[in-house]
Protein backbone atom coordinates (compact mmCIF):
# COMPACT_ATOMS: atom_id res chain seq x y z
CA MET A 1 39.00 -43.93 -51.56
CA THR A 2 37.49 -41.45 -53.98
CA SER A 3 34.88 -43.04 -56.22
CA THR A 4 35.61 -43.60 -59.91
CA GLN A 5 32.50 -41.63 -60.78
CA ASN A 6 33.75 -38.51 -59.00
CA VAL A 7 37.29 -38.87 -60.31
CA THR A 8 35.88 -39.01 -63.83
CA ALA A 9 33.64 -35.97 -63.22
CA THR A 10 36.59 -34.00 -61.88
CA GLN A 11 38.86 -34.89 -64.77
CA ASN A 12 36.36 -34.34 -67.58
CA THR A 13 37.44 -31.64 -69.96
CA PRO A 14 35.49 -28.50 -68.97
CA GLN A 15 33.70 -26.18 -71.32
CA PRO A 16 35.89 -23.20 -72.29
CA LEU A 17 35.52 -20.48 -69.68
CA PRO A 18 34.77 -17.08 -71.20
CA ALA A 19 36.58 -14.15 -69.62
CA VAL A 20 35.20 -10.70 -68.86
CA ASP A 21 37.31 -7.60 -68.41
CA ALA A 22 37.00 -5.24 -65.46
CA PRO A 23 35.12 -2.40 -67.25
CA THR A 24 32.54 -4.86 -68.55
CA LEU A 25 32.07 -6.38 -65.11
CA LYS A 26 31.64 -2.94 -63.58
CA ARG A 27 28.94 -2.18 -66.15
CA TRP A 28 27.20 -5.51 -65.52
CA LEU A 29 27.06 -4.87 -61.80
CA HIS A 30 24.84 -1.86 -62.44
CA ASP A 31 22.80 -2.95 -65.47
CA GLY A 32 19.79 -4.11 -63.42
CA GLY A 33 20.05 -7.77 -64.36
CA GLU A 34 20.82 -10.66 -62.06
CA ILE A 35 24.51 -11.25 -61.49
CA ALA A 36 26.57 -13.17 -58.96
CA LEU A 37 30.11 -11.86 -58.49
CA LEU A 38 31.65 -14.72 -56.54
CA ASP A 39 35.03 -14.13 -54.92
CA VAL A 40 36.50 -17.63 -54.80
CA ARG A 41 39.59 -16.58 -52.90
CA GLU A 42 39.71 -17.61 -49.25
CA HIS A 43 38.04 -15.44 -46.64
CA GLY A 44 41.19 -13.66 -45.48
CA GLN A 45 42.14 -12.74 -49.04
CA TYR A 46 38.62 -11.52 -49.73
CA GLY A 47 38.53 -9.46 -46.52
CA GLU A 48 41.76 -7.66 -47.35
CA ALA A 49 40.52 -6.31 -50.70
CA HIS A 50 37.52 -6.93 -52.96
CA PRO A 51 34.96 -5.10 -55.11
CA PHE A 52 31.95 -3.59 -53.36
CA TYR A 53 29.42 -6.16 -54.61
CA ALA A 54 31.59 -9.28 -54.40
CA THR A 55 30.17 -12.22 -52.45
CA THR A 56 32.69 -14.31 -50.58
CA LEU A 57 32.50 -17.96 -51.62
CA PRO A 58 35.89 -19.55 -50.90
CA TYR A 59 37.01 -22.32 -53.22
CA SER A 60 37.51 -24.48 -50.12
CA ARG A 61 33.72 -24.44 -49.58
CA LEU A 62 32.46 -23.70 -53.08
CA GLU A 63 30.11 -26.62 -53.78
CA ILE A 64 28.88 -26.66 -50.18
CA GLU A 65 27.51 -23.13 -50.31
CA VAL A 66 26.87 -22.27 -53.94
CA THR A 67 23.34 -23.63 -54.30
CA ARG A 68 22.25 -21.68 -51.23
CA LEU A 69 23.78 -18.45 -52.49
CA VAL A 70 23.03 -18.94 -56.20
CA PRO A 71 20.08 -21.34 -56.57
CA ARG A 72 19.37 -20.82 -60.28
CA ARG A 73 21.83 -22.75 -62.44
CA ALA A 74 21.50 -20.33 -65.39
CA THR A 75 22.50 -17.29 -63.31
CA ARG A 76 25.08 -14.99 -64.84
CA ILE A 77 28.18 -15.69 -62.69
CA VAL A 78 31.57 -14.00 -62.68
CA LEU A 79 34.36 -15.55 -60.64
CA LEU A 80 37.13 -13.51 -59.03
CA ASP A 81 40.50 -14.85 -57.94
CA GLU A 82 43.98 -13.45 -57.35
CA GLY A 83 44.93 -13.96 -60.99
CA ASP A 84 46.31 -17.35 -59.96
CA GLY A 85 43.99 -19.71 -61.82
CA VAL A 86 41.69 -20.62 -58.93
CA SER A 87 38.73 -19.24 -60.90
CA GLN A 88 39.36 -21.80 -63.64
CA ARG A 89 39.27 -24.64 -61.13
CA ALA A 90 36.16 -23.18 -59.49
CA ALA A 91 34.49 -22.86 -62.89
CA ARG A 92 35.05 -26.55 -63.61
CA ALA A 93 33.40 -27.40 -60.28
CA LEU A 94 30.43 -25.13 -61.01
CA GLN A 95 30.01 -26.52 -64.52
CA ALA A 96 30.02 -30.04 -63.07
CA SER A 97 27.23 -28.87 -60.72
CA GLY A 98 25.13 -27.65 -63.65
CA TYR A 99 25.92 -23.92 -63.77
CA SER A 100 25.89 -22.87 -67.40
CA ASP A 101 26.77 -19.14 -67.52
CA VAL A 102 30.12 -18.90 -65.75
CA ARG A 103 32.87 -16.43 -66.55
CA ALA A 104 36.08 -15.32 -64.85
CA LEU A 105 37.29 -11.78 -64.33
CA GLU A 106 40.26 -11.61 -66.65
CA GLY A 107 43.37 -11.01 -64.55
CA GLY A 108 41.49 -11.38 -61.28
CA MET A 109 41.78 -8.90 -58.45
CA PRO A 110 45.00 -7.31 -59.78
CA ALA A 111 43.16 -6.40 -63.00
CA TRP A 112 40.27 -4.84 -61.04
CA ARG A 113 42.75 -2.68 -59.16
CA ALA A 114 44.61 -1.75 -62.33
CA ALA A 115 41.36 -0.59 -63.92
CA GLY A 116 40.99 1.95 -61.11
CA PHE A 117 37.77 0.60 -59.61
CA GLY A 118 37.03 0.69 -55.90
CA VAL A 119 38.71 -1.84 -53.64
CA PHE A 120 37.31 -2.47 -50.17
CA ALA A 121 38.60 -4.25 -47.11
CA GLY A 122 36.32 -5.91 -44.57
CA VAL A 123 33.09 -7.85 -44.93
CA ASN A 124 29.39 -7.20 -45.60
CA LEU A 125 30.23 -4.00 -47.44
CA PRO A 126 26.81 -2.94 -48.81
CA SER A 127 25.08 -3.45 -45.47
CA LYS A 128 27.74 -1.72 -43.40
CA THR A 129 28.02 1.18 -45.84
CA PHE A 130 24.27 1.59 -45.66
CA GLY A 131 24.45 1.70 -41.86
CA GLU A 132 26.82 4.66 -42.05
CA LEU A 133 24.60 6.27 -44.67
CA ALA A 134 21.54 5.76 -42.46
CA GLU A 135 23.18 7.52 -39.52
CA HIS A 136 24.25 10.36 -41.80
CA GLN A 137 20.81 10.64 -43.40
CA TRP A 138 18.59 10.39 -40.31
CA HIS A 139 21.00 11.61 -37.62
CA THR A 140 20.25 8.62 -35.46
CA PRO A 141 20.73 9.77 -31.84
CA ARG A 142 23.63 8.12 -30.06
CA ILE A 143 25.32 7.90 -26.70
CA SER A 144 29.00 7.38 -25.96
CA ALA A 145 30.29 4.53 -23.84
CA THR A 146 31.39 6.84 -21.04
CA ASP A 147 28.03 8.65 -20.96
CA LEU A 148 26.18 5.35 -20.84
CA ALA A 149 28.41 4.07 -18.04
CA GLU A 150 27.77 7.23 -16.03
CA ARG A 151 24.01 6.93 -16.53
CA GLN A 152 24.08 3.31 -15.47
CA GLN A 153 26.06 4.21 -12.37
CA ARG A 154 23.53 6.93 -11.48
CA GLY A 155 20.73 4.41 -11.79
CA ASP A 156 18.95 6.24 -14.61
CA ASP A 157 15.81 4.68 -16.04
CA LEU A 158 17.30 2.95 -19.07
CA ILE A 159 17.66 -0.47 -20.63
CA VAL A 160 20.43 -1.71 -22.91
CA LEU A 161 19.33 -4.10 -25.66
CA ASP A 162 22.05 -5.97 -27.52
CA GLY A 163 21.03 -6.29 -31.18
CA ARG A 164 23.33 -9.22 -32.00
CA PRO A 165 22.47 -12.95 -32.12
CA TYR A 166 22.52 -14.75 -28.80
CA ALA A 167 25.77 -16.65 -29.46
CA GLU A 168 27.62 -13.46 -30.32
CA TYR A 169 26.12 -11.67 -27.32
CA GLY A 170 27.40 -14.44 -25.02
CA LYS A 171 31.01 -13.74 -26.00
CA MET A 172 30.99 -10.23 -24.56
CA ASN A 173 28.33 -7.66 -23.73
CA ILE A 174 27.71 -4.30 -22.09
CA PRO A 175 27.06 -4.86 -18.35
CA GLY A 176 23.37 -5.44 -17.75
CA ALA A 177 22.50 -5.65 -21.45
CA ILE A 178 19.75 -8.00 -22.57
CA CYS A 179 20.06 -9.88 -25.84
CA CYS A 180 17.34 -8.80 -28.27
CA PRO A 181 18.56 -9.25 -31.87
CA ASN A 182 17.61 -6.44 -34.24
CA GLY A 183 15.13 -8.61 -36.12
CA GLU A 184 13.20 -9.09 -32.86
CA LEU A 185 13.17 -5.46 -31.71
CA ALA A 186 9.93 -4.51 -33.47
CA LEU A 187 8.18 -7.44 -31.80
CA ARG A 188 9.71 -7.44 -28.33
CA ALA A 189 11.34 -4.13 -27.39
CA LEU A 190 8.27 -2.60 -25.72
CA GLN A 191 7.72 -5.81 -23.79
CA LEU A 192 11.19 -5.26 -22.34
CA ALA A 193 10.68 -1.53 -21.82
CA PRO A 194 6.93 -1.02 -21.21
CA ASP A 195 7.34 2.38 -19.53
CA PRO A 196 7.55 5.12 -22.20
CA ALA A 197 9.90 7.04 -19.91
CA THR A 198 12.55 4.29 -20.08
CA THR A 199 15.42 5.13 -22.41
CA ILE A 200 16.28 2.28 -24.78
CA VAL A 201 19.94 1.96 -25.80
CA ILE A 202 20.77 -0.39 -28.68
CA ASN A 203 24.28 -1.79 -29.01
CA CYS A 204 26.19 -4.21 -31.19
CA ALA A 205 29.88 -5.03 -31.54
CA GLY A 206 30.63 -1.99 -33.68
CA ARG A 207 28.29 0.43 -35.39
CA THR A 208 25.87 -0.91 -38.01
CA ARG A 209 23.45 -2.91 -35.88
CA SER A 210 23.44 -0.21 -33.19
CA ILE A 211 22.41 2.37 -35.77
CA ILE A 212 19.89 0.19 -37.62
CA GLY A 213 18.38 -1.15 -34.40
CA ALA A 214 17.89 2.28 -32.87
CA GLN A 215 16.54 3.73 -36.12
CA THR A 216 14.12 0.81 -36.42
CA LEU A 217 12.43 1.72 -33.15
CA ILE A 218 12.44 5.40 -34.05
CA ASP A 219 10.89 4.67 -37.46
CA LEU A 220 8.20 2.58 -35.80
CA GLY A 221 7.29 5.49 -33.58
CA VAL A 222 7.91 3.89 -30.19
CA PRO A 223 7.26 6.44 -27.44
CA ASN A 224 10.53 5.78 -25.57
CA PRO A 225 13.72 7.78 -26.02
CA VAL A 226 15.99 5.64 -28.20
CA LEU A 227 19.78 5.87 -28.55
CA ALA A 228 22.47 3.91 -30.41
CA LEU A 229 25.59 3.08 -28.42
CA GLU A 230 28.40 4.70 -30.36
CA ASN A 231 30.90 2.04 -31.50
CA GLY A 232 29.23 -0.72 -29.52
CA THR A 233 31.20 -3.12 -27.36
CA GLN A 234 34.40 -1.98 -29.07
CA GLY A 235 33.78 1.60 -28.00
CA TRP A 236 33.14 0.35 -24.46
CA TYR A 237 36.39 -1.61 -24.49
CA LEU A 238 38.38 1.30 -25.97
CA ALA A 239 37.05 3.53 -23.17
CA ASP A 240 38.69 1.09 -20.71
CA LEU A 241 35.35 -0.08 -19.38
CA GLN A 242 34.76 -3.70 -18.41
CA LEU A 243 32.62 -5.98 -20.55
CA GLU A 244 30.70 -8.96 -19.26
CA HIS A 245 31.35 -12.43 -20.67
CA GLY A 246 29.12 -15.49 -20.77
CA SER A 247 25.89 -13.62 -20.02
CA ASN A 248 22.56 -15.35 -20.68
CA ARG A 249 19.98 -12.58 -20.41
CA LYS A 250 17.57 -12.79 -23.31
CA TYR A 251 14.24 -11.47 -24.55
CA PRO A 252 11.23 -13.45 -23.26
CA GLU A 253 10.25 -16.31 -25.53
CA ALA A 254 6.52 -15.60 -25.24
CA VAL A 255 5.19 -12.54 -27.07
CA ASP A 256 2.68 -10.29 -25.32
CA MET A 257 -0.34 -11.02 -27.51
CA ALA A 258 -2.15 -7.94 -26.20
CA GLN A 259 0.49 -5.74 -27.84
CA LEU A 260 0.30 -7.42 -31.26
CA PRO A 261 -2.42 -5.24 -32.83
CA VAL A 262 -0.45 -2.07 -32.07
CA LEU A 263 2.84 -3.63 -33.21
CA ARG A 264 1.28 -4.84 -36.46
CA GLU A 265 -0.15 -1.43 -37.22
CA ARG A 266 3.22 0.22 -36.65
CA ALA A 267 4.93 -2.30 -38.93
CA ARG A 268 2.26 -1.89 -41.63
CA ARG A 269 2.54 1.89 -41.48
CA LEU A 270 6.30 1.72 -42.00
CA ALA A 271 5.88 -0.80 -44.82
CA ARG A 272 3.28 1.35 -46.56
CA HIS A 273 5.55 4.39 -46.29
CA LEU A 274 8.26 2.48 -48.16
CA SER A 275 5.86 0.75 -50.58
CA VAL A 276 6.88 -2.71 -49.39
CA SER A 277 5.36 -5.38 -51.61
CA VAL A 278 3.02 -7.90 -49.93
CA VAL A 279 2.22 -11.00 -52.00
CA ASP A 280 0.14 -14.12 -51.50
CA ALA A 281 1.30 -17.72 -51.50
CA ARG A 282 -0.05 -18.36 -55.00
CA GLN A 283 2.21 -15.65 -56.40
CA VAL A 284 5.23 -16.98 -54.51
CA ARG A 285 4.57 -20.50 -55.77
CA ALA A 286 4.39 -19.19 -59.33
CA TRP A 287 7.74 -17.47 -58.87
CA LEU A 288 9.30 -20.62 -57.43
CA ASP A 289 8.06 -22.65 -60.38
CA GLU A 290 9.59 -20.21 -62.88
CA SER A 291 13.14 -20.72 -64.12
CA GLY A 292 14.06 -17.18 -65.11
CA ARG A 293 14.73 -15.58 -61.71
CA ASN A 294 16.50 -16.43 -58.49
CA ILE A 295 14.12 -16.38 -55.54
CA PHE A 296 15.24 -16.53 -51.94
CA LEU A 297 12.62 -17.68 -49.44
CA CYS A 298 13.73 -16.27 -46.09
CA ASP A 299 12.40 -17.16 -42.64
CA VAL A 300 13.20 -14.17 -40.41
CA ARG A 301 12.03 -15.71 -37.15
CA THR A 302 14.14 -16.98 -34.24
CA PRO A 303 16.31 -20.12 -34.50
CA GLU A 304 13.89 -21.95 -32.21
CA GLU A 305 10.87 -21.05 -34.34
CA TYR A 306 12.67 -22.05 -37.52
CA ALA A 307 13.73 -25.38 -36.03
CA ALA A 308 10.14 -26.11 -35.01
CA GLY A 309 8.99 -25.91 -38.63
CA THR A 310 9.34 -23.74 -41.70
CA LEU A 311 8.41 -23.69 -45.38
CA PRO A 312 10.12 -26.11 -47.79
CA GLY A 313 13.13 -24.51 -49.40
CA ALA A 314 13.32 -21.63 -46.90
CA GLN A 315 16.62 -20.70 -45.32
CA HIS A 316 16.88 -19.30 -41.81
CA THR A 317 17.79 -15.64 -42.11
CA PRO A 318 17.41 -13.95 -38.70
CA GLY A 319 16.03 -10.52 -39.56
CA GLY A 320 18.76 -8.40 -38.02
CA GLN A 321 21.50 -10.46 -39.60
CA LEU A 322 19.79 -10.40 -42.99
CA ILE A 323 20.02 -6.61 -42.89
CA GLN A 324 23.52 -6.58 -41.39
CA ALA A 325 25.02 -9.21 -43.70
CA THR A 326 22.70 -9.69 -46.68
CA ASP A 327 25.49 -11.09 -48.83
CA GLN A 328 25.89 -14.04 -46.46
CA TYR A 329 22.39 -15.21 -47.41
CA VAL A 330 21.78 -13.84 -50.92
CA GLY A 331 24.58 -14.16 -53.45
CA VAL A 332 22.82 -12.76 -56.51
CA ARG A 333 22.56 -9.04 -57.07
CA GLY A 334 19.12 -8.27 -58.53
CA ALA A 335 17.50 -11.42 -57.10
CA ARG A 336 13.98 -11.57 -55.68
CA ILE A 337 13.67 -12.01 -51.90
CA VAL A 338 10.52 -13.21 -50.13
CA LEU A 339 10.35 -12.81 -46.35
CA PHE A 340 7.94 -14.39 -43.91
CA ASP A 341 7.21 -14.69 -40.20
CA ASP A 342 4.09 -15.94 -38.43
CA GLU A 343 2.80 -12.86 -36.62
CA GLY A 344 2.86 -10.04 -39.18
CA VAL A 345 5.47 -7.73 -37.64
CA ARG A 346 9.06 -8.83 -38.17
CA ALA A 347 8.99 -9.58 -41.91
CA LEU A 348 7.44 -6.20 -42.74
CA VAL A 349 10.08 -4.31 -40.75
CA VAL A 350 12.98 -6.29 -42.19
CA ALA A 351 11.53 -5.81 -45.68
CA ALA A 352 11.42 -2.07 -45.11
CA TRP A 353 15.16 -2.05 -44.50
CA LEU A 354 15.96 -4.35 -47.41
CA THR A 355 13.90 -2.08 -49.65
CA ARG A 356 16.08 0.82 -48.55
CA LEU A 357 19.12 -1.32 -49.26
CA GLY A 358 17.91 -1.60 -52.86
CA TRP A 359 16.65 -5.20 -52.94
CA ASP A 360 13.59 -6.52 -54.77
CA VAL A 361 11.85 -7.72 -51.61
CA HIS A 362 8.35 -9.04 -50.90
CA VAL A 363 6.50 -10.17 -47.78
CA LEU A 364 4.39 -13.33 -47.56
CA PRO A 365 1.83 -12.84 -44.76
CA GLY A 366 1.42 -15.85 -42.48
CA GLY A 367 4.09 -17.63 -44.47
CA VAL A 368 4.58 -20.69 -42.31
CA SER A 369 0.97 -21.74 -42.78
CA ALA A 370 0.84 -21.11 -46.53
CA LYS A 371 -0.77 -24.30 -47.90
CA GLU A 372 0.33 -23.61 -51.46
CA LEU A 373 3.98 -23.81 -50.36
CA GLN A 374 3.83 -27.07 -48.44
CA PRO A 375 5.77 -30.14 -49.67
CA GLY A 376 5.08 -31.01 -53.27
CA SER A 377 5.35 -27.47 -54.64
CA GLY A 378 8.33 -26.00 -56.43
CA ALA A 379 9.62 -24.42 -53.24
CA ALA A 380 11.72 -27.42 -52.35
CA ALA A 381 13.77 -27.05 -55.52
CA ALA A 382 15.49 -23.97 -54.09
CA ALA A 383 17.16 -26.13 -51.45
CA THR A 384 18.79 -28.60 -53.85
CA ASP A 385 22.37 -29.28 -52.81
CA ALA A 386 24.89 -29.56 -55.63
CA LEU A 387 27.57 -31.14 -53.45
CA VAL A 388 27.91 -34.87 -54.15
CA SER A 389 30.40 -35.98 -51.52
CA PRO A 390 33.14 -38.27 -52.75
CA THR A 391 33.29 -41.61 -51.02
CA PHE A 392 36.38 -41.76 -48.87
CA GLU A 393 37.63 -44.12 -46.24
CA ALA A 394 37.49 -42.97 -42.64
CA ILE A 395 40.39 -43.67 -40.33
CA ALA A 396 40.14 -43.73 -36.55
CA ALA A 397 42.38 -41.64 -34.33
CA THR A 398 43.78 -44.85 -32.85
CA ASP A 399 45.04 -45.87 -36.30
CA LEU A 400 46.76 -42.60 -37.17
CA ALA A 401 50.08 -43.48 -35.53
CA ALA A 402 50.34 -46.67 -37.55
CA ALA A 403 49.43 -44.83 -40.73
CA MET A 404 52.18 -42.29 -40.11
CA GLN A 405 54.70 -45.07 -39.49
CA GLN A 406 53.72 -46.57 -42.82
CA GLY A 407 54.45 -43.29 -44.59
CA ALA A 408 51.04 -41.64 -44.77
CA ALA A 409 51.10 -37.87 -45.23
CA LEU A 410 48.89 -36.09 -42.68
CA ILE A 411 47.31 -32.96 -44.16
CA ASP A 412 45.33 -30.78 -41.75
CA VAL A 413 42.55 -28.95 -43.64
CA ARG A 414 40.91 -27.38 -40.60
CA PRO A 415 40.94 -23.55 -40.28
CA SER A 416 44.44 -22.15 -39.91
CA MET A 417 43.69 -20.80 -36.44
CA SER A 418 42.56 -24.25 -35.31
CA TYR A 419 45.82 -25.69 -36.58
CA ARG A 420 47.78 -23.07 -34.67
CA LYS A 421 45.98 -23.94 -31.44
CA ALA A 422 46.47 -27.71 -31.68
CA HIS A 423 47.53 -30.18 -34.34
CA VAL A 424 49.15 -33.58 -34.64
CA ARG A 425 52.91 -33.23 -34.72
CA GLY A 426 54.10 -33.81 -38.26
CA ALA A 427 50.81 -32.84 -39.90
CA ARG A 428 51.06 -30.11 -42.50
CA TRP A 429 48.40 -27.42 -42.80
CA SER A 430 46.86 -26.79 -46.19
CA ILE A 431 43.68 -25.64 -47.84
CA ARG A 432 41.93 -26.73 -51.03
CA PRO A 433 43.33 -24.09 -53.44
CA ARG A 434 46.87 -24.87 -52.26
CA LEU A 435 46.82 -28.65 -52.09
CA GLN A 436 48.58 -28.87 -55.43
CA ALA A 437 51.52 -26.93 -53.95
CA LEU A 438 52.22 -29.85 -51.60
CA ALA A 439 53.72 -31.68 -54.60
CA LEU A 440 52.30 -35.04 -53.55
CA THR A 441 52.83 -37.93 -55.94
CA PRO A 442 49.89 -39.98 -57.27
CA GLU A 443 51.12 -42.91 -55.17
CA ALA A 444 50.86 -40.89 -51.94
CA ASP A 445 48.85 -42.22 -49.02
CA VAL A 446 47.07 -39.15 -47.65
CA VAL A 447 45.16 -38.71 -44.42
CA LEU A 448 43.11 -35.53 -44.16
CA LEU A 449 42.50 -34.16 -40.68
CA ALA A 450 39.25 -32.19 -40.76
CA ASP A 451 36.47 -30.79 -38.61
CA ASP A 452 33.98 -30.36 -41.46
CA ALA A 453 32.92 -33.34 -43.57
CA GLY A 454 32.07 -31.14 -46.55
CA VAL A 455 35.45 -29.42 -46.54
CA ALA A 456 37.14 -32.81 -46.28
CA ALA A 457 35.06 -34.12 -49.18
CA LEU A 458 36.08 -31.22 -51.41
CA ALA A 459 39.73 -31.57 -50.43
CA ALA A 460 39.54 -35.26 -51.30
CA ARG A 461 37.94 -34.35 -54.63
CA GLU A 462 40.75 -31.89 -55.30
CA LEU A 463 43.37 -34.55 -54.57
CA ALA A 464 41.57 -36.98 -56.86
CA GLY A 465 41.82 -34.39 -59.61
CA LEU A 466 45.58 -34.41 -59.01
CA GLY A 467 45.61 -38.18 -59.42
CA ILE A 468 45.93 -38.97 -55.71
CA LEU A 469 43.41 -41.70 -55.01
CA ARG A 470 44.51 -43.07 -51.64
CA VAL A 471 42.78 -40.56 -49.33
CA ARG A 472 41.42 -41.22 -45.86
CA VAL A 473 39.81 -38.79 -43.44
CA ASN A 474 39.88 -38.38 -39.68
CA ALA A 475 37.54 -35.83 -38.10
CA ASP A 476 38.00 -36.64 -34.43
CA GLY A 477 39.84 -33.50 -33.33
CA PRO A 478 42.61 -32.71 -30.80
CA ALA A 479 40.97 -34.29 -27.74
CA SER A 480 40.63 -37.65 -29.47
CA TRP A 481 44.13 -37.40 -30.90
CA ARG A 482 45.52 -36.89 -27.42
CA ASP A 483 43.46 -39.77 -26.05
CA ALA A 484 44.94 -41.97 -28.77
CA GLY A 485 48.43 -41.08 -27.56
CA LEU A 486 49.35 -38.90 -30.52
CA PRO A 487 51.67 -35.95 -29.94
CA VAL A 488 49.55 -32.80 -30.22
CA GLU A 489 51.21 -29.42 -30.27
CA ALA A 490 50.47 -25.73 -30.78
CA SER A 491 52.25 -23.41 -33.22
CA PRO A 492 51.19 -19.80 -32.58
CA ASP A 493 53.17 -18.52 -35.56
CA LEU A 494 52.63 -21.36 -38.03
CA PRO A 495 51.20 -21.18 -40.56
CA ALA A 496 52.68 -17.72 -40.98
CA ASN A 497 50.21 -14.86 -41.15
CA ALA A 498 50.76 -14.50 -44.88
CA ASP A 499 49.75 -18.13 -45.39
CA CYS A 500 46.56 -17.86 -43.31
CA ILE A 501 44.49 -16.93 -46.34
CA ASP A 502 41.32 -18.14 -44.63
CA TYR A 503 41.56 -15.69 -41.70
CA LEU A 504 40.95 -11.93 -41.66
CA PHE A 505 43.05 -10.67 -38.79
CA PHE A 506 41.81 -7.12 -38.31
CA VAL A 507 38.15 -8.16 -38.15
CA HIS A 508 38.63 -11.01 -35.69
CA ASP A 509 41.46 -9.62 -33.55
CA ARG A 510 39.34 -6.67 -32.43
CA HIS A 511 37.57 -9.03 -30.00
CA ASP A 512 40.76 -10.62 -28.67
CA GLY A 513 42.19 -7.81 -26.58
CA ASN A 514 43.77 -6.02 -29.54
CA LYS A 515 42.87 -2.35 -29.17
CA GLU A 516 44.73 -1.35 -32.31
CA ALA A 517 42.64 -3.84 -34.31
CA ALA A 518 39.49 -2.40 -32.76
CA ARG A 519 40.52 1.15 -33.69
CA GLN A 520 41.43 0.04 -37.20
CA TYR A 521 38.07 -1.64 -37.62
CA LEU A 522 36.07 1.39 -36.45
CA ALA A 523 38.11 3.70 -38.67
CA TRP A 524 37.42 1.39 -41.60
CA GLU A 525 33.69 1.37 -40.87
CA THR A 526 33.31 5.15 -40.52
CA ASN A 527 35.32 5.72 -43.72
CA LEU A 528 33.16 3.54 -45.96
CA LEU A 529 31.05 6.45 -47.21
CA ASN A 530 34.20 8.13 -48.48
CA GLN A 531 35.09 5.10 -50.60
CA VAL A 532 31.93 4.26 -52.52
CA ASP A 533 31.32 5.71 -55.95
CA ALA A 534 28.16 7.36 -57.25
CA GLN A 535 26.83 4.16 -58.84
CA GLU A 536 27.21 2.22 -55.61
CA LEU A 537 25.49 4.97 -53.61
CA ALA A 538 22.68 5.07 -56.17
CA GLY A 539 21.93 1.43 -55.37
CA PHE A 540 20.46 2.47 -52.02
CA ARG A 541 17.01 3.96 -51.53
CA LEU A 542 16.70 6.64 -48.88
CA SER A 543 13.29 7.88 -47.82
């Protein structure tokens, strides 16, 4: 059952929420100050249409993610919804978490459209637009899928390096490709291709990471010929070539220490060319102890290195992904970013790209060993989690049948695609912003079926705000439900596509055998430069 404390917090009368109109918001986005434009619609809604600088932060996960994306409670925040009042509910949650400068875009997304400002589909807009701009600016050399396949068949001296994270690489890859995420290329590429005559081909799923990865090696002055695979694995698939699945080839864990001096000098030369800021631990600690700026402490090393130990308050931001999807890690435009590694190569190279992307970025040399940032300093404050989970009663899968017989309403709050694949017969799918549409009475006995404790906690909090206090949670999943003898069924068309507001079809379907989705995605990506306005282009730094 939800605790009285949390029910009270939810039902407290919120501070009045000031509104901001679309022209004012547009001006704020370019005034040089810190601002977080948080799109609190669900991910599918966001991906269909949003402003260029909007950060996706769905209401269903709001309190789980907000302190990571917006650590400073006094940050200027503007919330964006569909004009349906979700921003008001999100504002109450943020105010309860201590955020003091929260506004809503008056009229939501419809008002932004009506004002004539740019509307973008897709995700990671600034990073992907910059990738297209980089190719246009530097004419990054590329190779088509068919040309690469022919060269592989001839046995040419080449190596294909997949610039995506290992988990993504394992889903599908170019035959023979080795996983070497973009953030690792500066450190490991020449270890994988030590002969200067070997051609290095960089690929990703689409375009951005192929372009940025190839241009990274070119900018560093590696002696090898370097090419970007045009359109990545999607281009390979659209050329009717076979992809591999479940591959496990990966860069070597150990770094060739003999190469480090040369690699460091290349990274430093690139950083100097772009005037990348290098700061010491004392300066970073001073920034962390200040209250007037957001600071994001970013560990750009591998997942294994991060897991073995990092600095307090640091988030894991694999270098290639930080470039590719900056808005997934940093939710405040104008914030200060501090990067670190432990060898003096990767952070400098990633910082060079973030500088070009227009961020205020700094590098902390030897960051992991910085004594001034060990426990006890202000660094830990950046990791404070604003989510205080409501206390709810768990219910075992074996007790669900009895609960249903006694009239409990089963509400499945897992992702819509998970519901489609398998759900308990009789359970209804819903999501936090739409729970009120279920028209449950305060006397209702509700069982939430979840696969994420945080999402379940927020759904329970939402129900408490509606006066529904009898809420239990089961997070066992379809296998356990079947083992308990419950009828589990699939519903490929339910919820209907229009109701799957958490799922962006054209982005995800491109990897599921849908060639039209793949073509649509690539056309979207290559057209980004034609959509941005002069102010958005001016946010990048090309040199």
